[in-house]
Amino acid sequence: MLQRTNGRLLITLLVVTGLAGTLNNNSVSQQERKVVLEQLKTGKKDLLNEIKDLSDKQLSYVSPSTGLSVRKCMFQAAQTEKTMWEILNNAVKGPANPEKRLIISFTDNDLVERVKEGKLSPPVDIIFKQANAPWNNITAAVTDFKDLRSDRIKYMRTSTEDLRNHVLQTSFGWIDCYQYILVITAETNRYIEQIKAIKSEKKFPRK
């Protein structure tokens, strides 16, 4: 009886101190987690701020140089969020393949900068046509994006998945799942910059 009581006490202490989740914990470091969380939260905030209070005329304005509208960029951002997280989830659920880390050619910072500068094509086929949008209006797309991003923020706060040792192949090479999340945040930032560029055009409607 005493042994059983001591065992329960040990488990309780492990849970309280957080040791139970770290005895065999191959998750990302606290600093890595902090970096991704900041990117996920900032990207969400900045994207929503860029489209806030825009009129239908402003949302529909098409840039003559890119053929993009703010509405289309938002649809693309929401679709990208959905597609890329589905791919990430499938990769994490699969077996770890740490041997593939040997062929990763990007550092975290280099990868993010290359995506931001448009030097790397999207890691998956996320070419998106507005006619295929699964939403009837931009409000629905915004709601989906907000919900998806909020779920991912919660995931990164608590996940103990071995993101570094789950490596997946992309159109520009092998990267680990942690880097893949960084790419997702970089893609969001790319859409933000596209929207900013559209809004800065001289012909963009004032209201």
N, C-alpha and C. Protein backbone atom coordinates (compact mmCIF):
# COMPACT_ATOMS: atom_id res chain seq x y z
N MET A 1 0.83 -1.20 0.00
CA MET A 1 0.00 0.00 0.00
C MET A 1 0.87 1.26 0.00
N LEU A 2 1.94 1.19 0.84
CA LEU A 2 2.85 2.34 0.91
C LEU A 2 3.54 2.56 -0.42
N GLN A 3 3.92 1.45 -1.09
CA GLN A 3 4.60 1.55 -2.39
C GLN A 3 3.69 2.20 -3.43
N ARG A 4 2.42 1.78 -3.43
CA ARG A 4 1.46 2.34 -4.38
C ARG A 4 1.26 3.83 -4.12
N THR A 5 1.18 4.21 -2.83
CA THR A 5 0.99 5.61 -2.47
C THR A 5 2.20 6.45 -2.91
N ASN A 6 3.39 5.90 -2.69
CA ASN A 6 4.61 6.61 -3.10
C ASN A 6 4.67 6.77 -4.61
N GLY A 7 4.20 5.73 -5.32
CA GLY A 7 4.20 5.79 -6.78
C GLY A 7 3.28 6.88 -7.29
N ARG A 8 2.10 6.96 -6.68
CA ARG A 8 1.16 8.01 -7.07
C ARG A 8 1.70 9.39 -6.77
N LEU A 9 2.38 9.52 -5.63
CA LEU A 9 2.96 10.80 -5.24
C LEU A 9 4.04 11.22 -6.23
N LEU A 10 4.85 10.27 -6.69
CA LEU A 10 5.91 10.57 -7.65
C LEU A 10 5.31 11.06 -8.96
N ILE A 11 4.27 10.38 -9.43
CA ILE A 11 3.62 10.79 -10.68
C ILE A 11 3.05 12.19 -10.55
N THR A 12 2.43 12.46 -9.40
CA THR A 12 1.86 13.78 -9.16
C THR A 12 2.93 14.86 -9.20
N LEU A 13 4.06 14.58 -8.56
CA LEU A 13 5.15 15.54 -8.54
C LEU A 13 5.72 15.77 -9.94
N LEU A 14 5.80 14.71 -10.72
CA LEU A 14 6.31 14.83 -12.08
C LEU A 14 5.41 15.71 -12.92
N VAL A 15 4.11 15.51 -12.79
CA VAL A 15 3.16 16.32 -13.56
C VAL A 15 3.23 17.77 -13.13
N VAL A 16 3.25 18.01 -11.82
CA VAL A 16 3.27 19.38 -11.30
C VAL A 16 4.52 20.12 -11.75
N THR A 17 5.66 19.44 -11.72
CA THR A 17 6.92 20.10 -12.08
C THR A 17 7.18 20.13 -13.56
N GLY A 18 6.35 19.40 -14.33
CA GLY A 18 6.55 19.39 -15.78
C GLY A 18 7.52 18.34 -16.23
N LEU A 19 8.08 17.56 -15.32
CA LEU A 19 9.07 16.56 -15.70
C LEU A 19 8.45 15.40 -16.44
N ALA A 20 7.19 15.12 -16.19
CA ALA A 20 6.56 13.98 -16.84
C ALA A 20 6.55 14.14 -18.33
N GLY A 21 6.47 15.37 -18.82
CA GLY A 21 6.43 15.59 -20.26
C GLY A 21 7.79 15.79 -20.87
N THR A 22 8.85 15.79 -20.05
CA THR A 22 10.17 16.08 -20.60
C THR A 22 11.19 14.98 -20.34
N LEU A 23 10.77 13.89 -19.70
CA LEU A 23 11.71 12.81 -19.44
C LEU A 23 12.24 12.22 -20.75
N ASN A 24 11.35 12.14 -21.72
CA ASN A 24 11.76 11.63 -23.03
C ASN A 24 11.19 12.55 -24.09
N ASN A 25 11.54 13.81 -24.00
CA ASN A 25 10.91 14.85 -24.80
C ASN A 25 11.84 15.31 -25.92
N ASN A 26 11.45 15.01 -27.15
CA ASN A 26 12.24 15.42 -28.31
C ASN A 26 11.60 16.60 -29.02
N SER A 27 10.74 17.35 -28.32
CA SER A 27 10.08 18.47 -28.95
C SER A 27 11.06 19.61 -29.15
N VAL A 28 10.60 20.65 -29.82
CA VAL A 28 11.46 21.81 -30.09
C VAL A 28 11.80 22.51 -28.79
N SER A 29 12.85 23.32 -28.83
CA SER A 29 13.28 24.05 -27.64
C SER A 29 12.30 25.17 -27.33
N GLN A 30 12.40 25.71 -26.13
CA GLN A 30 11.53 26.82 -25.74
C GLN A 30 11.77 28.04 -26.63
N GLN A 31 13.01 28.28 -27.00
CA GLN A 31 13.32 29.41 -27.87
C GLN A 31 12.72 29.22 -29.25
N GLU A 32 12.83 28.00 -29.79
CA GLU A 32 12.24 27.71 -31.10
C GLU A 32 10.72 27.85 -31.04
N ARG A 33 10.15 27.36 -29.97
CA ARG A 33 8.70 27.48 -29.80
C ARG A 33 8.29 28.96 -29.73
N LYS A 34 9.06 29.75 -29.03
CA LYS A 34 8.78 31.18 -28.88
C LYS A 34 8.83 31.88 -30.23
N VAL A 35 9.82 31.54 -31.05
CA VAL A 35 9.97 32.16 -32.38
C VAL A 35 8.76 31.87 -33.25
N VAL A 36 8.33 30.62 -33.29
CA VAL A 36 7.20 30.24 -34.14
C VAL A 36 5.90 30.86 -33.62
N LEU A 37 5.70 30.83 -32.31
CA LEU A 37 4.49 31.42 -31.75
C LEU A 37 4.39 32.91 -32.08
N GLU A 38 5.51 33.60 -31.99
CA GLU A 38 5.52 35.03 -32.31
C GLU A 38 5.15 35.25 -33.78
N GLN A 39 5.71 34.42 -34.65
CA GLN A 39 5.41 34.53 -36.08
C GLN A 39 3.94 34.22 -36.37
N LEU A 40 3.42 33.18 -35.75
CA LEU A 40 2.02 32.80 -35.96
C LEU A 40 1.07 33.90 -35.49
N LYS A 41 1.34 34.46 -34.31
CA LYS A 41 0.46 35.49 -33.76
C LYS A 41 0.58 36.80 -34.52
N THR A 42 1.80 37.18 -34.86
CA THR A 42 2.00 38.44 -35.59
C THR A 42 1.40 38.37 -36.98
N GLY A 43 1.60 37.24 -37.67
CA GLY A 43 1.03 37.08 -39.01
C GLY A 43 -0.48 37.17 -39.00
N LYS A 44 -1.09 36.53 -38.02
CA LYS A 44 -2.55 36.58 -37.91
C LYS A 44 -3.02 38.01 -37.69
N LYS A 45 -2.41 38.69 -36.75
CA LYS A 45 -2.79 40.06 -36.42
C LYS A 45 -2.61 41.00 -37.61
N ASP A 46 -1.45 40.92 -38.26
CA ASP A 46 -1.14 41.83 -39.36
C ASP A 46 -2.03 41.60 -40.57
N LEU A 47 -2.30 40.34 -40.89
CA LEU A 47 -3.16 40.05 -42.04
C LEU A 47 -4.57 40.58 -41.80
N LEU A 48 -5.12 40.34 -40.63
CA LEU A 48 -6.47 40.80 -40.34
C LEU A 48 -6.55 42.32 -40.27
N ASN A 49 -5.49 42.95 -39.80
CA ASN A 49 -5.47 44.42 -39.76
C ASN A 49 -5.46 45.02 -41.16
N GLU A 50 -4.78 44.36 -42.09
CA GLU A 50 -4.68 44.88 -43.45
C GLU A 50 -6.02 44.87 -44.18
N ILE A 51 -6.90 43.97 -43.85
CA ILE A 51 -8.19 43.89 -44.56
C ILE A 51 -9.34 44.48 -43.74
N LYS A 52 -9.04 44.91 -42.54
CA LYS A 52 -10.08 45.43 -41.65
C LYS A 52 -10.74 46.68 -42.22
N ASP A 53 -12.05 46.68 -42.19
CA ASP A 53 -12.87 47.85 -42.58
C ASP A 53 -12.76 48.22 -44.06
N LEU A 54 -12.24 47.34 -44.89
CA LEU A 54 -12.19 47.64 -46.32
C LEU A 54 -13.58 47.47 -46.93
N SER A 55 -13.92 48.36 -47.84
CA SER A 55 -15.22 48.28 -48.51
C SER A 55 -15.17 47.18 -49.58
N ASP A 56 -16.35 46.82 -50.08
CA ASP A 56 -16.41 45.81 -51.13
C ASP A 56 -15.66 46.27 -52.37
N LYS A 57 -15.73 47.57 -52.63
CA LYS A 57 -15.03 48.14 -53.78
C LYS A 57 -13.52 47.99 -53.62
N GLN A 58 -13.04 48.22 -52.41
CA GLN A 58 -11.61 48.08 -52.15
C GLN A 58 -11.18 46.62 -52.20
N LEU A 59 -12.00 45.74 -51.67
CA LEU A 59 -11.69 44.31 -51.69
C LEU A 59 -11.66 43.76 -53.12
N SER A 60 -12.48 44.36 -53.98
CA SER A 60 -12.62 43.85 -55.35
C SER A 60 -11.64 44.47 -56.34
N TYR A 61 -10.99 45.56 -55.96
CA TYR A 61 -10.05 46.23 -56.86
C TYR A 61 -8.95 45.26 -57.29
N VAL A 62 -8.74 45.18 -58.61
CA VAL A 62 -7.73 44.26 -59.16
C VAL A 62 -6.52 45.06 -59.61
N SER A 63 -5.37 44.69 -59.11
CA SER A 63 -4.13 45.36 -59.50
C SER A 63 -3.82 45.06 -60.96
N PRO A 64 -3.62 46.07 -61.79
CA PRO A 64 -3.30 45.82 -63.20
C PRO A 64 -1.94 45.16 -63.40
N SER A 65 -1.07 45.29 -62.43
CA SER A 65 0.28 44.72 -62.58
C SER A 65 0.36 43.26 -62.17
N THR A 66 -0.47 42.84 -61.21
CA THR A 66 -0.40 41.46 -60.72
C THR A 66 -1.67 40.65 -60.97
N GLY A 67 -2.77 41.33 -61.26
CA GLY A 67 -4.03 40.63 -61.44
C GLY A 67 -4.64 40.15 -60.13
N LEU A 68 -4.13 40.66 -59.02
CA LEU A 68 -4.61 40.26 -57.70
C LEU A 68 -5.50 41.32 -57.09
N SER A 69 -6.45 40.87 -56.29
CA SER A 69 -7.27 41.77 -55.48
C SER A 69 -7.03 41.40 -54.02
N VAL A 70 -7.43 42.27 -53.13
CA VAL A 70 -7.30 41.97 -51.70
C VAL A 70 -8.13 40.74 -51.36
N ARG A 71 -9.32 40.65 -51.94
CA ARG A 71 -10.20 39.49 -51.69
C ARG A 71 -9.51 38.20 -52.12
N LYS A 72 -8.91 38.21 -53.30
CA LYS A 72 -8.24 37.00 -53.78
C LYS A 72 -7.05 36.63 -52.91
N CYS A 73 -6.30 37.61 -52.46
CA CYS A 73 -5.16 37.36 -51.57
C CYS A 73 -5.63 36.72 -50.27
N MET A 74 -6.76 37.19 -49.74
CA MET A 74 -7.29 36.62 -48.50
C MET A 74 -7.76 35.19 -48.72
N PHE A 75 -8.41 34.94 -49.85
CA PHE A 75 -8.81 33.57 -50.17
C PHE A 75 -7.58 32.66 -50.27
N GLN A 76 -6.56 33.15 -50.92
CA GLN A 76 -5.33 32.37 -51.08
C GLN A 76 -4.66 32.10 -49.73
N ALA A 77 -4.64 33.12 -48.88
CA ALA A 77 -4.03 32.97 -47.56
C ALA A 77 -4.76 31.91 -46.73
N ALA A 78 -6.08 31.94 -46.78
CA ALA A 78 -6.88 30.96 -46.03
C ALA A 78 -6.70 29.56 -46.61
N GLN A 79 -6.68 29.46 -47.93
CA GLN A 79 -6.52 28.15 -48.56
C GLN A 79 -5.12 27.58 -48.28
N THR A 80 -4.12 28.44 -48.33
CA THR A 80 -2.75 28.01 -48.04
C THR A 80 -2.64 27.51 -46.61
N GLU A 81 -3.24 28.25 -45.69
CA GLU A 81 -3.23 27.84 -44.27
C GLU A 81 -3.81 26.44 -44.12
N LYS A 82 -4.93 26.20 -44.75
CA LYS A 82 -5.62 24.91 -44.64
C LYS A 82 -4.78 23.79 -45.26
N THR A 83 -4.31 24.01 -46.48
CA THR A 83 -3.59 22.97 -47.22
C THR A 83 -2.27 22.60 -46.57
N MET A 84 -1.50 23.61 -46.19
CA MET A 84 -0.16 23.33 -45.67
C MET A 84 -0.22 22.69 -44.29
N TRP A 85 -1.20 23.06 -43.46
CA TRP A 85 -1.29 22.42 -42.14
C TRP A 85 -1.75 20.99 -42.27
N GLU A 86 -2.58 20.69 -43.27
CA GLU A 86 -2.98 19.30 -43.51
C GLU A 86 -1.76 18.45 -43.87
N ILE A 87 -0.89 18.98 -44.71
CA ILE A 87 0.31 18.27 -45.10
C ILE A 87 1.24 18.09 -43.91
N LEU A 88 1.37 19.13 -43.10
CA LEU A 88 2.21 19.04 -41.91
C LEU A 88 1.68 17.97 -40.95
N ASN A 89 0.37 17.97 -40.71
CA ASN A 89 -0.21 16.99 -39.80
C ASN A 89 0.06 15.56 -40.27
N ASN A 90 -0.06 15.33 -41.56
CA ASN A 90 0.21 14.00 -42.10
C ASN A 90 1.67 13.60 -41.91
N ALA A 91 2.57 14.56 -42.07
CA ALA A 91 3.99 14.28 -41.91
C ALA A 91 4.33 13.95 -40.46
N VAL A 92 3.74 14.69 -39.53
CA VAL A 92 4.02 14.48 -38.11
C VAL A 92 3.46 13.14 -37.64
N LYS A 93 2.32 12.74 -38.20
CA LYS A 93 1.71 11.47 -37.81
C LYS A 93 2.51 10.27 -38.32
N GLY A 94 3.31 10.47 -39.36
CA GLY A 94 4.11 9.39 -39.91
C GLY A 94 5.33 9.09 -39.05
N PRO A 95 6.09 8.07 -39.44
CA PRO A 95 7.29 7.72 -38.66
C PRO A 95 8.37 8.78 -38.78
N ALA A 96 9.11 8.97 -37.70
CA ALA A 96 10.23 9.91 -37.73
C ALA A 96 11.30 9.39 -38.68
N ASN A 97 11.97 10.30 -39.37
CA ASN A 97 13.04 9.92 -40.30
C ASN A 97 14.25 10.83 -40.12
N PRO A 98 14.87 10.79 -38.95
CA PRO A 98 15.98 11.70 -38.63
C PRO A 98 17.17 11.59 -39.58
N GLU A 99 17.29 10.44 -40.25
CA GLU A 99 18.40 10.28 -41.19
C GLU A 99 18.32 11.28 -42.34
N LYS A 100 17.11 11.77 -42.64
CA LYS A 100 16.93 12.73 -43.72
C LYS A 100 17.44 14.12 -43.34
N ARG A 101 17.68 14.35 -42.05
CA ARG A 101 18.20 15.64 -41.63
C ARG A 101 19.55 15.94 -42.27
N LEU A 102 20.26 14.89 -42.64
CA LEU A 102 21.59 15.05 -43.23
C LEU A 102 21.54 15.73 -44.58
N ILE A 103 20.37 15.71 -45.24
CA ILE A 103 20.29 16.30 -46.58
C ILE A 103 19.51 17.62 -46.58
N ILE A 104 19.17 18.12 -45.39
CA ILE A 104 18.55 19.46 -45.31
C ILE A 104 19.61 20.50 -45.62
N SER A 105 19.34 21.37 -46.57
CA SER A 105 20.35 22.34 -47.01
C SER A 105 20.05 23.76 -46.55
N PHE A 106 18.95 23.96 -45.80
CA PHE A 106 18.56 25.31 -45.37
C PHE A 106 18.67 25.46 -43.86
N THR A 107 19.18 26.60 -43.43
CA THR A 107 19.03 26.98 -42.04
C THR A 107 17.63 27.58 -41.89
N ASP A 108 17.16 27.70 -40.67
CA ASP A 108 15.83 28.27 -40.45
C ASP A 108 15.71 29.68 -41.01
N ASN A 109 16.66 30.53 -40.70
CA ASN A 109 16.62 31.92 -41.14
C ASN A 109 16.72 32.05 -42.65
N ASP A 110 17.60 31.26 -43.24
CA ASP A 110 17.77 31.31 -44.69
C ASP A 110 16.49 30.91 -45.41
N LEU A 111 15.84 29.90 -44.88
CA LEU A 111 14.60 29.41 -45.48
C LEU A 111 13.52 30.48 -45.46
N VAL A 112 13.34 31.12 -44.31
CA VAL A 112 12.31 32.16 -44.18
C VAL A 112 12.60 33.33 -45.12
N GLU A 113 13.85 33.76 -45.19
CA GLU A 113 14.22 34.89 -46.04
C GLU A 113 14.00 34.58 -47.51
N ARG A 114 14.32 33.37 -47.91
CA ARG A 114 14.14 32.99 -49.32
C ARG A 114 12.67 32.96 -49.73
N VAL A 115 11.84 32.46 -48.82
CA VAL A 115 10.39 32.47 -49.10
C VAL A 115 9.88 33.90 -49.17
N LYS A 116 10.29 34.71 -48.21
CA LYS A 116 9.85 36.11 -48.14
C LYS A 116 10.23 36.87 -49.39
N GLU A 117 11.42 36.61 -49.91
CA GLU A 117 11.91 37.32 -51.09
C GLU A 117 11.42 36.71 -52.39
N GLY A 118 10.62 35.64 -52.30
CA GLY A 118 10.08 35.01 -53.49
C GLY A 118 11.09 34.19 -54.26
N LYS A 119 12.18 33.81 -53.61
CA LYS A 119 13.22 33.03 -54.28
C LYS A 119 12.93 31.54 -54.29
N LEU A 120 11.93 31.13 -53.51
CA LEU A 120 11.52 29.73 -53.48
C LEU A 120 10.05 29.64 -53.83
N SER A 121 9.71 28.70 -54.69
CA SER A 121 8.31 28.50 -55.02
C SER A 121 7.62 27.85 -53.83
N PRO A 122 6.29 27.95 -53.76
CA PRO A 122 5.57 27.33 -52.65
C PRO A 122 5.93 25.85 -52.52
N PRO A 123 6.04 25.33 -51.30
CA PRO A 123 6.47 23.96 -51.08
C PRO A 123 5.45 22.91 -51.47
N VAL A 124 4.24 23.33 -51.75
CA VAL A 124 3.21 22.40 -52.21
C VAL A 124 2.45 23.08 -53.33
N ASP A 125 1.63 22.31 -54.01
CA ASP A 125 0.84 22.87 -55.10
C ASP A 125 -0.33 23.64 -54.50
N ILE A 126 -0.08 24.91 -54.20
CA ILE A 126 -1.15 25.74 -53.62
C ILE A 126 -1.60 26.80 -54.62
N ILE A 127 -1.36 26.52 -55.91
CA ILE A 127 -1.87 27.42 -56.94
C ILE A 127 -3.39 27.46 -56.79
N PHE A 128 -3.90 28.64 -56.65
CA PHE A 128 -5.29 28.80 -56.25
C PHE A 128 -6.06 29.65 -57.24
N LYS A 129 -7.22 29.16 -57.68
CA LYS A 129 -8.08 29.92 -58.58
C LYS A 129 -9.30 30.39 -57.78
N GLN A 130 -9.60 31.65 -57.93
CA GLN A 130 -10.69 32.24 -57.16
C GLN A 130 -12.01 31.51 -57.41
N ALA A 131 -12.18 31.00 -58.63
CA ALA A 131 -13.42 30.31 -58.97
C ALA A 131 -13.62 29.05 -58.12
N ASN A 132 -12.51 28.51 -57.59
CA ASN A 132 -12.59 27.29 -56.80
C ASN A 132 -12.65 27.56 -55.30
N ALA A 133 -12.86 28.82 -54.94
CA ALA A 133 -12.88 29.17 -53.52
C ALA A 133 -13.98 28.42 -52.79
N PRO A 134 -13.66 27.79 -51.65
CA PRO A 134 -14.69 27.06 -50.90
C PRO A 134 -15.57 27.96 -50.06
N TRP A 135 -15.43 29.27 -50.22
CA TRP A 135 -16.21 30.22 -49.43
C TRP A 135 -17.09 31.07 -50.34
N ASN A 136 -18.22 31.46 -49.83
CA ASN A 136 -19.13 32.31 -50.60
C ASN A 136 -18.75 33.78 -50.49
N ASN A 137 -18.02 34.13 -49.44
CA ASN A 137 -17.65 35.54 -49.23
C ASN A 137 -16.38 35.61 -48.42
N ILE A 138 -15.82 36.79 -48.35
CA ILE A 138 -14.54 36.97 -47.66
C ILE A 138 -14.69 36.78 -46.15
N THR A 139 -15.88 37.06 -45.63
CA THR A 139 -16.09 36.88 -44.19
C THR A 139 -15.88 35.43 -43.79
N ALA A 140 -16.36 34.51 -44.61
CA ALA A 140 -16.19 33.08 -44.33
C ALA A 140 -14.72 32.69 -44.40
N ALA A 141 -14.01 33.24 -45.37
CA ALA A 141 -12.58 32.94 -45.51
C ALA A 141 -11.80 33.46 -44.31
N VAL A 142 -12.14 34.66 -43.87
CA VAL A 142 -11.48 35.26 -42.72
C VAL A 142 -11.75 34.43 -41.46
N THR A 143 -12.99 34.00 -41.29
CA THR A 143 -13.34 33.18 -40.13
C THR A 143 -12.56 31.88 -40.11
N ASP A 144 -12.47 31.23 -41.26
CA ASP A 144 -11.71 29.98 -41.34
C ASP A 144 -10.24 30.21 -41.03
N PHE A 145 -9.67 31.27 -41.59
CA PHE A 145 -8.27 31.56 -41.34
C PHE A 145 -8.03 31.80 -39.84
N LYS A 146 -8.89 32.61 -39.22
CA LYS A 146 -8.74 32.92 -37.80
C LYS A 146 -8.83 31.66 -36.95
N ASP A 147 -9.80 30.80 -37.28
CA ASP A 147 -9.98 29.57 -36.50
C ASP A 147 -8.79 28.63 -36.67
N LEU A 148 -8.35 28.47 -37.91
CA LEU A 148 -7.21 27.60 -38.18
C LEU A 148 -5.95 28.11 -37.49
N ARG A 149 -5.69 29.39 -37.61
CA ARG A 149 -4.48 29.95 -37.02
C ARG A 149 -4.54 29.88 -35.48
N SER A 150 -5.70 30.12 -34.91
CA SER A 150 -5.84 30.01 -33.45
C SER A 150 -5.56 28.59 -32.98
N ASP A 151 -6.04 27.61 -33.74
CA ASP A 151 -5.77 26.21 -33.40
C ASP A 151 -4.27 25.91 -33.46
N ARG A 152 -3.59 26.48 -34.45
CA ARG A 152 -2.15 26.22 -34.61
C ARG A 152 -1.34 26.88 -33.49
N ILE A 153 -1.80 28.03 -33.04
CA ILE A 153 -1.13 28.70 -31.93
C ILE A 153 -1.24 27.85 -30.67
N LYS A 154 -2.44 27.32 -30.43
CA LYS A 154 -2.64 26.43 -29.28
C LYS A 154 -1.75 25.19 -29.42
N TYR A 155 -1.66 24.66 -30.62
CA TYR A 155 -0.84 23.47 -30.87
C TYR A 155 0.62 23.74 -30.53
N MET A 156 1.13 24.87 -30.98
CA MET A 156 2.55 25.16 -30.74
C MET A 156 2.84 25.47 -29.27
N ARG A 157 1.85 25.88 -28.54
CA ARG A 157 2.06 26.15 -27.11
C ARG A 157 2.23 24.86 -26.31
N THR A 158 1.58 23.80 -26.76
CA THR A 158 1.53 22.58 -25.94
C THR A 158 2.13 21.34 -26.59
N SER A 159 2.38 21.39 -27.89
CA SER A 159 2.81 20.18 -28.59
C SER A 159 4.17 19.67 -28.11
N THR A 160 4.27 18.35 -28.00
CA THR A 160 5.55 17.70 -27.70
C THR A 160 5.99 16.84 -28.88
N GLU A 161 5.43 17.10 -30.05
CA GLU A 161 5.80 16.34 -31.25
C GLU A 161 7.27 16.57 -31.59
N ASP A 162 7.89 15.56 -32.13
CA ASP A 162 9.30 15.64 -32.52
C ASP A 162 9.39 16.28 -33.91
N LEU A 163 9.20 17.57 -33.96
CA LEU A 163 9.11 18.28 -35.24
C LEU A 163 10.44 18.29 -35.99
N ARG A 164 11.53 18.25 -35.30
CA ARG A 164 12.84 18.31 -35.95
C ARG A 164 13.21 17.00 -36.65
N ASN A 165 12.73 15.88 -36.11
CA ASN A 165 13.10 14.58 -36.68
C ASN A 165 12.03 13.99 -37.58
N HIS A 166 11.02 14.78 -37.89
CA HIS A 166 10.07 14.44 -38.95
C HIS A 166 10.39 15.36 -40.13
N VAL A 167 10.94 14.78 -41.16
CA VAL A 167 11.44 15.55 -42.30
C VAL A 167 10.59 15.22 -43.53
N LEU A 168 10.22 16.25 -44.29
CA LEU A 168 9.40 16.02 -45.47
C LEU A 168 10.02 16.69 -46.69
N GLN A 169 9.69 16.14 -47.84
CA GLN A 169 10.24 16.65 -49.09
C GLN A 169 9.30 17.70 -49.67
N THR A 170 9.89 18.80 -50.12
CA THR A 170 9.12 19.88 -50.75
C THR A 170 9.67 20.11 -52.15
N SER A 171 9.05 21.04 -52.85
CA SER A 171 9.49 21.33 -54.21
C SER A 171 10.88 21.95 -54.25
N PHE A 172 11.36 22.46 -53.12
CA PHE A 172 12.70 23.04 -53.10
C PHE A 172 13.66 22.28 -52.19
N GLY A 173 13.30 21.06 -51.81
CA GLY A 173 14.22 20.22 -51.05
C GLY A 173 13.61 19.70 -49.75
N TRP A 174 14.43 19.01 -48.98
CA TRP A 174 13.99 18.43 -47.72
C TRP A 174 14.09 19.46 -46.59
N ILE A 175 13.04 19.55 -45.79
CA ILE A 175 13.06 20.40 -44.61
C ILE A 175 12.35 19.66 -43.48
N ASP A 176 12.65 20.03 -42.24
CA ASP A 176 11.95 19.36 -41.13
C ASP A 176 10.63 20.07 -40.85
N CYS A 177 9.80 19.44 -40.02
CA CYS A 177 8.46 19.96 -39.79
C CYS A 177 8.46 21.30 -39.08
N TYR A 178 9.44 21.53 -38.25
CA TYR A 178 9.55 22.85 -37.61
C TYR A 178 9.80 23.91 -38.68
N GLN A 179 10.70 23.63 -39.60
CA GLN A 179 10.97 24.57 -40.68
C GLN A 179 9.73 24.76 -41.56
N TYR A 180 8.97 23.71 -41.72
CA TYR A 180 7.75 23.79 -42.52
C TYR A 180 6.77 24.78 -41.91
N ILE A 181 6.68 24.81 -40.58
CA ILE A 181 5.81 25.78 -39.91
C ILE A 181 6.33 27.19 -40.16
N LEU A 182 7.65 27.35 -40.14
CA LEU A 182 8.22 28.66 -40.46
C LEU A 182 7.85 29.09 -41.87
N VAL A 183 7.83 28.13 -42.79
CA VAL A 183 7.44 28.44 -44.17
C VAL A 183 5.97 28.89 -44.22
N ILE A 184 5.11 28.24 -43.45
CA ILE A 184 3.70 28.64 -43.40
C ILE A 184 3.58 30.09 -42.95
N THR A 185 4.33 30.47 -41.93
CA THR A 185 4.27 31.85 -41.45
C THR A 185 4.84 32.81 -42.50
N ALA A 186 5.87 32.36 -43.21
CA ALA A 186 6.46 33.20 -44.26
C ALA A 186 5.49 33.39 -45.42
N GLU A 187 4.71 32.36 -45.72
CA GLU A 187 3.70 32.47 -46.78
C GLU A 187 2.64 33.49 -46.39
N THR A 188 2.23 33.47 -45.13
CA THR A 188 1.26 34.47 -44.66
C THR A 188 1.82 35.87 -44.82
N ASN A 189 3.08 36.05 -44.46
CA ASN A 189 3.71 37.36 -44.60
C ASN A 189 3.78 37.80 -46.06
N ARG A 190 3.94 36.82 -46.95
CA ARG A 190 3.99 37.15 -48.38
C ARG A 190 2.64 37.70 -48.85
N TYR A 191 1.55 37.11 -48.38
CA TYR A 191 0.23 37.62 -48.73
C TYR A 191 0.00 39.01 -48.13
N ILE A 192 0.50 39.21 -46.94
CA ILE A 192 0.38 40.53 -46.31
C ILE A 192 1.06 41.60 -47.17
N GLU A 193 2.25 41.28 -47.66
CA GLU A 193 2.99 42.23 -48.51
C GLU A 193 2.26 42.47 -49.82
N GLN A 194 1.64 41.44 -50.37
CA GLN A 194 0.88 41.61 -51.61
C GLN A 194 -0.31 42.55 -51.39
N ILE A 195 -0.99 42.37 -50.27
CA ILE A 195 -2.13 43.24 -49.95
C ILE A 195 -1.67 44.68 -49.75
N LYS A 196 -0.57 44.86 -49.06
CA LYS A 196 -0.03 46.21 -48.85
C LYS A 196 0.29 46.87 -50.18
N ALA A 197 0.86 46.10 -51.10
CA ALA A 197 1.23 46.64 -52.41
C ALA A 197 -0.02 47.06 -53.19
N ILE A 198 -1.06 46.27 -53.11
CA ILE A 198 -2.32 46.60 -53.80
C ILE A 198 -2.90 47.89 -53.22
N LYS A 199 -2.93 47.99 -51.91
CA LYS A 199 -3.51 49.16 -51.24
C LYS A 199 -2.70 50.43 -51.48
N SER A 200 -1.44 50.28 -51.83
CA SER A 200 -0.59 51.46 -52.04
C SER A 200 -0.68 52.00 -53.47
N GLU A 201 -1.36 51.29 -54.36
CA GLU A 201 -1.47 51.74 -55.74
C GLU A 201 -2.34 53.00 -55.84
N LYS A 202 -2.00 53.85 -56.76
CA LYS A 202 -2.69 55.13 -56.92
C LYS A 202 -4.18 54.96 -57.24
N LYS A 203 -4.52 53.92 -57.97
CA LYS A 203 -5.91 53.72 -58.38
C LYS A 203 -6.72 52.94 -57.36
N PHE A 204 -6.09 52.55 -56.26
CA PHE A 204 -6.83 51.81 -55.24
C PHE A 204 -7.92 52.71 -54.66
N PRO A 205 -9.17 52.26 -54.61
CA PRO A 205 -10.27 53.11 -54.14
C PRO A 205 -10.07 53.62 -52.73
N ARG A 206 -10.43 54.84 -52.49
CA ARG A 206 -10.32 55.40 -51.15
C ARG A 206 -11.36 54.78 -50.21
N LYS A 207 -12.52 54.44 -50.77
CA LYS A 207 -13.55 53.78 -49.98
C LYS A 207 -14.43 52.92 -50.86
